[in-house]
C-alpha atoms as a PDB file:
ATOM      1  CA  UNK A   1     -40.902  19.813 -50.220  1.00  0.00           C
ATOM      2  CA  UNK A   2     -37.682  19.776 -48.003  1.00  0.00           C
ATOM      3  CA  UNK A   3     -36.806  17.039 -45.606  1.00  0.00           C
ATOM      4  CA  UNK A   4     -36.615  18.410 -42.002  1.00  0.00           C
ATOM      5  CA  UNK A   5     -35.408  15.319 -40.354  1.00  0.00           C
ATOM      6  CA  UNK A   6     -32.006  15.306 -38.963  1.00  0.00           C
ATOM      7  CA  UNK A   7     -29.552  13.703 -41.223  1.00  0.00           C
ATOM      8  CA  UNK A   8     -28.085  10.530 -39.897  1.00  0.00           C
ATOM      9  CA  UNK A   9     -24.292  10.560 -39.804  1.00  0.00           C
ATOM     10  CA  UNK A  10     -22.280   7.395 -40.050  1.00  0.00           C
ATOM     11  CA  UNK A  11     -19.234   9.315 -38.888  1.00  0.00           C
ATOM     12  CA  UNK A  12     -17.931   8.247 -35.539  1.00  0.00           C
ATOM     13  CA  UNK A  13     -16.570  11.018 -33.097  1.00  0.00           C
ATOM     14  CA  UNK A  14     -12.873  11.769 -33.711  1.00  0.00           C
ATOM     15  CA  UNK A  15     -10.593   9.282 -31.854  1.00  0.00           C
ATOM     16  CA  UNK A  16      -9.059  11.153 -28.859  1.00  0.00           C
ATOM     17  CA  UNK A  17      -5.933   8.859 -29.136  1.00  0.00           C
ATOM     18  CA  UNK A  18      -5.495   9.502 -32.897  1.00  0.00           C
ATOM     19  CA  UNK A  19      -3.460  12.485 -32.524  1.00  0.00           C
ATOM     20  CA  UNK A  20      -0.341  12.321 -30.309  1.00  0.00           C
ATOM     21  CA  UNK A  21      -0.513  16.150 -29.951  1.00  0.00           C
ATOM     22  CA  UNK A  22      -3.822  15.608 -28.046  1.00  0.00           C
ATOM     23  CA  UNK A  23      -3.223  12.557 -26.031  1.00  0.00           C
ATOM     24  CA  UNK A  24       0.391  12.867 -25.178  1.00  0.00           C
ATOM     25  CA  UNK A  25       0.200  15.750 -22.738  1.00  0.00           C
ATOM     26  CA  UNK A  26      -2.579  13.828 -20.789  1.00  0.00           C
ATOM     27  CA  UNK A  27      -0.477  10.767 -20.762  1.00  0.00           C
ATOM     28  CA  UNK A  28       2.584  12.796 -19.454  1.00  0.00           C
ATOM     29  CA  UNK A  29       0.302  14.206 -16.557  1.00  0.00           C
ATOM     30  CA  UNK A  30      -0.953  10.829 -15.705  1.00  0.00           C
ATOM     31  CA  UNK A  31       2.710   9.376 -15.734  1.00  0.00           C
ATOM     32  CA  UNK A  32       3.803  12.427 -13.672  1.00  0.00           C
ATOM     33  CA  UNK A  33       0.952  11.839 -11.103  1.00  0.00           C
ATOM     34  CA  UNK A  34       1.856   8.067 -10.924  1.00  0.00           C
ATOM     35  CA  UNK A  35       5.593   8.802 -10.488  1.00  0.00           C
ATOM     36  CA  UNK A  36       4.751  11.181  -7.565  1.00  0.00           C
ATOM     37  CA  UNK A  37       2.442   8.894  -5.980  1.00  0.00           C
ATOM     38  CA  UNK A  38       4.635   5.923  -6.209  1.00  0.00           C
ATOM     39  CA  UNK A  39       7.642   7.848  -4.969  1.00  0.00           C
ATOM     40  CA  UNK A  40       5.577   8.869  -1.901  1.00  0.00           C
ATOM     41  CA  UNK A  41       4.454   5.264  -1.453  1.00  0.00           C
ATOM     42  CA  UNK A  42       8.135   4.320  -1.483  1.00  0.00           C
ATOM     43  CA  UNK A  43       9.070   6.774   1.143  1.00  0.00           C
ATOM     44  CA  UNK A  44       6.219   5.707   3.421  1.00  0.00           C
ATOM     45  CA  UNK A  45       7.348   2.115   2.901  1.00  0.00           C
ATOM     46  CA  UNK A  46      10.749   2.986   4.094  1.00  0.00           C
ATOM     47  CA  UNK A  47       9.252   4.802   7.065  1.00  0.00           C
ATOM     48  CA  UNK A  48       7.023   1.777   7.728  1.00  0.00           C
ATOM     49  CA  UNK A  49      10.051  -0.554   7.714  1.00  0.00           C
ATOM     50  CA  UNK A  50      11.821   1.653  10.259  1.00  0.00           C
ATOM     51  CA  UNK A  51       8.728   1.695  12.571  1.00  0.00           C
ATOM     52  CA  UNK A  52       8.358  -1.962  12.449  1.00  0.00           C
ATOM     53  CA  UNK A  53      12.015  -2.501  13.355  1.00  0.00           C
ATOM     54  CA  UNK A  54      11.623  -0.232  16.213  1.00  0.00           C
ATOM     55  CA  UNK A  55       8.300  -1.665  17.376  1.00  0.00           C
ATOM     56  CA  UNK A  56       6.519   1.886  17.251  1.00  0.00           C
ATOM     57  CA  UNK A  57       2.882   0.714  16.877  1.00  0.00           C
ATOM     58  CA  UNK A  58       1.113   3.951  16.998  1.00  0.00           C
ATOM     59  CA  UNK A  59       3.284   5.757  14.498  1.00  0.00           C
ATOM     60  CA  UNK A  60       2.978   2.714  12.284  1.00  0.00           C
ATOM     61  CA  UNK A  61      -0.798   2.977  12.279  1.00  0.00           C
ATOM     62  CA  UNK A  62      -0.406   6.518  11.216  1.00  0.00           C
ATOM     63  CA  UNK A  63       1.896   5.584   8.346  1.00  0.00           C
ATOM     64  CA  UNK A  64      -0.561   2.770   7.175  1.00  0.00           C
ATOM     65  CA  UNK A  65      -3.379   5.191   7.042  1.00  0.00           C
ATOM     66  CA  UNK A  66      -1.379   7.670   4.963  1.00  0.00           C
ATOM     67  CA  UNK A  67      -0.337   4.777   2.654  1.00  0.00           C
ATOM     68  CA  UNK A  68      -3.995   3.658   2.147  1.00  0.00           C
ATOM     69  CA  UNK A  69      -4.863   7.297   1.066  1.00  0.00           C
ATOM     70  CA  UNK A  70      -1.944   7.223  -1.460  1.00  0.00           C
ATOM     71  CA  UNK A  71      -2.978   3.779  -2.622  1.00  0.00           C
ATOM     72  CA  UNK A  72      -6.505   5.100  -3.216  1.00  0.00           C
ATOM     73  CA  UNK A  73      -5.091   7.876  -5.273  1.00  0.00           C
ATOM     74  CA  UNK A  74      -3.118   5.464  -7.265  1.00  0.00           C
ATOM     75  CA  UNK A  75      -6.196   3.482  -8.029  1.00  0.00           C
ATOM     76  CA  UNK A  76      -7.645   6.596  -9.634  1.00  0.00           C
ATOM     77  CA  UNK A  77      -4.493   7.315 -11.559  1.00  0.00           C
ATOM     78  CA  UNK A  78      -4.538   3.733 -12.776  1.00  0.00           C
ATOM     79  CA  UNK A  79      -8.161   4.153 -14.029  1.00  0.00           C
ATOM     80  CA  UNK A  80      -7.063   7.184 -15.910  1.00  0.00           C
ATOM     81  CA  UNK A  81      -4.165   5.247 -17.448  1.00  0.00           C
ATOM     82  CA  UNK A  82      -6.264   2.309 -18.605  1.00  0.00           C
ATOM     83  CA  UNK A  83      -7.337   3.785 -22.093  1.00  0.00           C
ATOM     84  CA  UNK A  84      -3.674   4.269 -22.765  1.00  0.00           C
ATOM     85  CA  UNK A  85      -2.612   0.861 -21.428  1.00  0.00           C
ATOM     86  CA  UNK A  86      -5.151  -0.924 -23.634  1.00  0.00           C
ATOM     87  CA  UNK A  87      -3.885   0.640 -26.706  1.00  0.00           C
ATOM     88  CA  UNK A  88      -0.153   1.065 -25.602  1.00  0.00           C
ATOM     89  CA  UNK A  89       1.562  -0.621 -28.532  1.00  0.00           C
ATOM     90  CA  UNK A  90      -0.605   1.293 -31.132  1.00  0.00           C
ATOM     91  CA  UNK A  91       0.016   4.583 -29.439  1.00  0.00           C
ATOM     92  CA  UNK A  92       3.679   4.239 -29.054  1.00  0.00           C
ATOM     93  CA  UNK A  93       3.874   3.249 -32.668  1.00  0.00           C
ATOM     94  CA  UNK A  94       2.401   6.636 -33.627  1.00  0.00           C
ATOM     95  CA  UNK A  95       5.260   8.593 -31.793  1.00  0.00           C
ATOM     96  CA  UNK A  96       8.706   9.429 -32.841  1.00  0.00           C
ATOM     97  CA  UNK A  97      11.457   7.084 -31.631  1.00  0.00           C
ATOM     98  CA  UNK A  98      12.837   9.494 -28.999  1.00  0.00           C
ATOM     99  CA  UNK A  99       9.474   9.927 -27.383  1.00  0.00           C
ATOM    100  CA  UNK A 100       8.817   6.183 -27.494  1.00  0.00           C
ATOM    101  CA  UNK A 101      12.030   5.568 -25.609  1.00  0.00           C
ATOM    102  CA  UNK A 102      11.327   8.289 -23.137  1.00  0.00           C
ATOM    103  CA  UNK A 103       7.810   6.633 -22.416  1.00  0.00           C
ATOM    104  CA  UNK A 104       9.519   3.088 -22.158  1.00  0.00           C
ATOM    105  CA  UNK A 105      12.061   4.417 -19.739  1.00  0.00           C
ATOM    106  CA  UNK A 106       9.418   6.051 -17.567  1.00  0.00           C
ATOM    107  CA  UNK A 107       7.416   2.993 -17.352  1.00  0.00           C
ATOM    108  CA  UNK A 108      10.475   0.822 -16.575  1.00  0.00           C
ATOM    109  CA  UNK A 109      11.407   3.240 -13.813  1.00  0.00           C
ATOM    110  CA  UNK A 110       7.813   2.990 -12.353  1.00  0.00           C
ATOM    111  CA  UNK A 111       8.045  -0.777 -12.598  1.00  0.00           C
ATOM    112  CA  UNK A 112      11.324  -0.692 -10.553  1.00  0.00           C
ATOM    113  CA  UNK A 113       9.734   1.466  -7.834  1.00  0.00           C
ATOM    114  CA  UNK A 114       6.699  -0.977  -7.775  1.00  0.00           C
ATOM    115  CA  UNK A 115       8.945  -3.871  -7.383  1.00  0.00           C
ATOM    116  CA  UNK A 116      10.951  -2.184  -4.654  1.00  0.00           C
ATOM    117  CA  UNK A 117       7.778  -1.481  -2.712  1.00  0.00           C
ATOM    118  CA  UNK A 118       6.465  -5.057  -3.133  1.00  0.00           C
ATOM    119  CA  UNK A 119       9.688  -6.533  -1.983  1.00  0.00           C
ATOM    120  CA  UNK A 120       9.884  -4.204   1.203  1.00  0.00           C
ATOM    121  CA  UNK A 121       6.261  -4.824   1.912  1.00  0.00           C
ATOM    122  CA  UNK A 122       6.926  -8.655   1.883  1.00  0.00           C
ATOM    123  CA  UNK A 123       9.871  -8.256   4.156  1.00  0.00           C
ATOM    124  CA  UNK A 124       7.978  -6.055   6.424  1.00  0.00           C
ATOM    125  CA  UNK A 125       5.093  -8.678   6.591  1.00  0.00           C
ATOM    126  CA  UNK A 126       7.657 -11.263   7.455  1.00  0.00           C
ATOM    127  CA  UNK A 127       9.074  -9.074  10.235  1.00  0.00           C
ATOM    128  CA  UNK A 128       5.504  -8.433  11.632  1.00  0.00           C
ATOM    129  CA  UNK A 129       4.902 -12.139  11.605  1.00  0.00           C
ATOM    130  CA  UNK A 130       8.139 -12.838  13.538  1.00  0.00           C
ATOM    131  CA  UNK A 131       7.116 -10.015  16.109  1.00  0.00           C
ATOM    132  CA  UNK A 132       3.643 -11.589  16.409  1.00  0.00           C
ATOM    133  CA  UNK A 133       5.232 -15.043  17.071  1.00  0.00           C
ATOM    134  CA  UNK A 134       7.423 -13.517  19.778  1.00  0.00           C
ATOM    135  CA  UNK A 135       4.542 -11.767  21.443  1.00  0.00           C
ATOM    136  CA  UNK A 136       2.486 -14.955  21.255  1.00  0.00           C
ATOM    137  CA  UNK A 137       5.373 -16.961  22.868  1.00  0.00           C
ATOM    138  CA  UNK A 138       5.634 -14.309  25.577  1.00  0.00           C
ATOM    139  CA  UNK A 139       1.956 -14.388  26.316  1.00  0.00           C
ATOM    140  CA  UNK A 140       2.049 -18.287  26.561  1.00  0.00           C
ATOM    141  CA  UNK A 141       4.951 -18.007  28.795  1.00  0.00           C
ATOM    142  CA  UNK A 142       2.929 -15.670  31.054  1.00  0.00           C
ATOM    143  CA  UNK A 143       0.000 -17.909  30.966  1.00  0.00           C
ATOM    144  CA  UNK A 144       2.091 -20.996  31.832  1.00  0.00           C
ATOM    145  CA  UNK A 145       3.643 -19.026  34.786  1.00  0.00           C
ATOM    146  CA  UNK A 146       0.325 -18.137  36.129  1.00  0.00           C
ATOM    147  CA  UNK A 147      -0.842 -21.782  35.840  1.00  0.00           C
ATOM    148  CA  UNK A 148       2.235 -22.843  37.759  1.00  0.00           C
ATOM    149  CA  UNK A 149       1.782 -20.278  40.428  1.00  0.00           C
ATOM    150  CA  UNK A 150      -1.932 -21.529  40.977  1.00  0.00           C
ATOM    151  CA  UNK A 151      -0.917 -25.112  40.907  1.00  0.00           C
ATOM    152  CA  UNK A 152       1.487 -24.714  43.790  1.00  0.00           C
ATOM    153  CA  UNK A 153      -0.844 -22.797  45.888  1.00  0.00           C
ATOM    154  CA  UNK A 154       0.186 -19.249  45.048  1.00  0.00           C
ATOM    155  CA  UNK A 155      -3.479 -18.100  45.372  1.00  0.00           C
ATOM    156  CA  UNK A 156      -4.208 -19.694  48.827  1.00  0.00           C
ATOM    157  CA  UNK A 157      -6.111 -17.183  50.805  1.00  0.00           C
ATOM    158  CA  UNK A 158      -8.482 -18.184  53.536  1.00  0.00           C
ATOM    159  CA  UNK A 159     -10.937 -16.263  55.594  1.00  0.00           C
ATOM    160  CA  UNK A 160      -9.517 -17.676  58.757  1.00  0.00           C
ATOM    161  CA  UNK A 161      -7.575 -14.505  59.224  1.00  0.00           C
ATOM    162  CA  UNK A 162      -3.873 -13.709  58.696  1.00  0.00           C
ATOM    163  CA  UNK A 163      -1.586 -16.444  57.795  1.00  0.00           C
ATOM    164  CA  UNK A 164       1.205 -15.024  60.043  1.00  0.00           C
ATOM    165  CA  UNK A 165       0.771 -13.233  63.277  1.00  0.00           C
ATOM    166  CA  UNK A 166       3.066 -11.105  65.445  1.00  0.00           C
ATOM    167  CA  UNK A 167       2.907 -12.711  68.792  1.00  0.00           C
ATOM    168  CA  UNK A 168       5.213 -10.321  70.690  1.00  0.00           C
ATOM    169  CA  UNK A 169       2.512  -7.804  71.464  1.00  0.00           C
END
């Protein structure tokens, strides 16, 4: 009698990160995508800074919307990178030295762009806070001016007719 039951296998599926020939091209594509997205984010950040300095609010809002879309795409790229990041040291150890150095250089360049973006964003935030303070002071000044005018009778209007009359007629 033959056994028709499926045989149980104790074999695990092949590790997709076991062979650099299989995973390295995917990692290259992910790093290329991240590089392009961070470069775009950097350019948008430069534009953002210019718009803040010039006080061009409408254009700034457009840039901020575009930045958000790029950030969303970066989030997806980071998710794709996570399996590589968790095993980075192990994966790099399986590569020849020249490729390890190339990946390390790419990651360092990306880190530099990220730091530059973060530093510029912090400066932009400080500039916006300064602008907000100036506007708040101006609004408070206008409010104080209106109060002063009201206190000194600037709004005296009576229903008794005109305040001044031309009696030459």
